[in-house]
């Protein structure tokens, strides 16, 4: 719960789930996220794209990724979906009221295969006045 609260304190642009059609190692899956998917965002926006991600195992034994990504100048979710060439990509605009930060953090420390936090986080959510 603490991880979810912490992640919810930042401005995110997208909530993403990436799956694969074929068996892929956790290491290869993370490389595809960082060096292909996020590199595309960097190229399009000319800015970094901070990303918090977790790798979980699906019921069929394949790893998949959940990620929160900050890229305010990035294209529509449909464009990003097409950039994931390894399987299915679910890309949605981030909505803090829907619980994505908590869902992503639910198994950190117990059931995730891997996770990553960027060195440079996105801007913090501004407190309501």
Foldseek 3Di string as FASTA:
>chain_A
DVQLVVVLQFDFFKKKKFFAPDADDPVRQVCCCVVFLQVVLCVVQVDGKWKKKFWAADPVGHIMMIITIHRVVGDDQVVSQVSRPGDGMDMDTDDSVVRSSCVRCVQVPHGTPDIDGDPDGHHTDDDDD
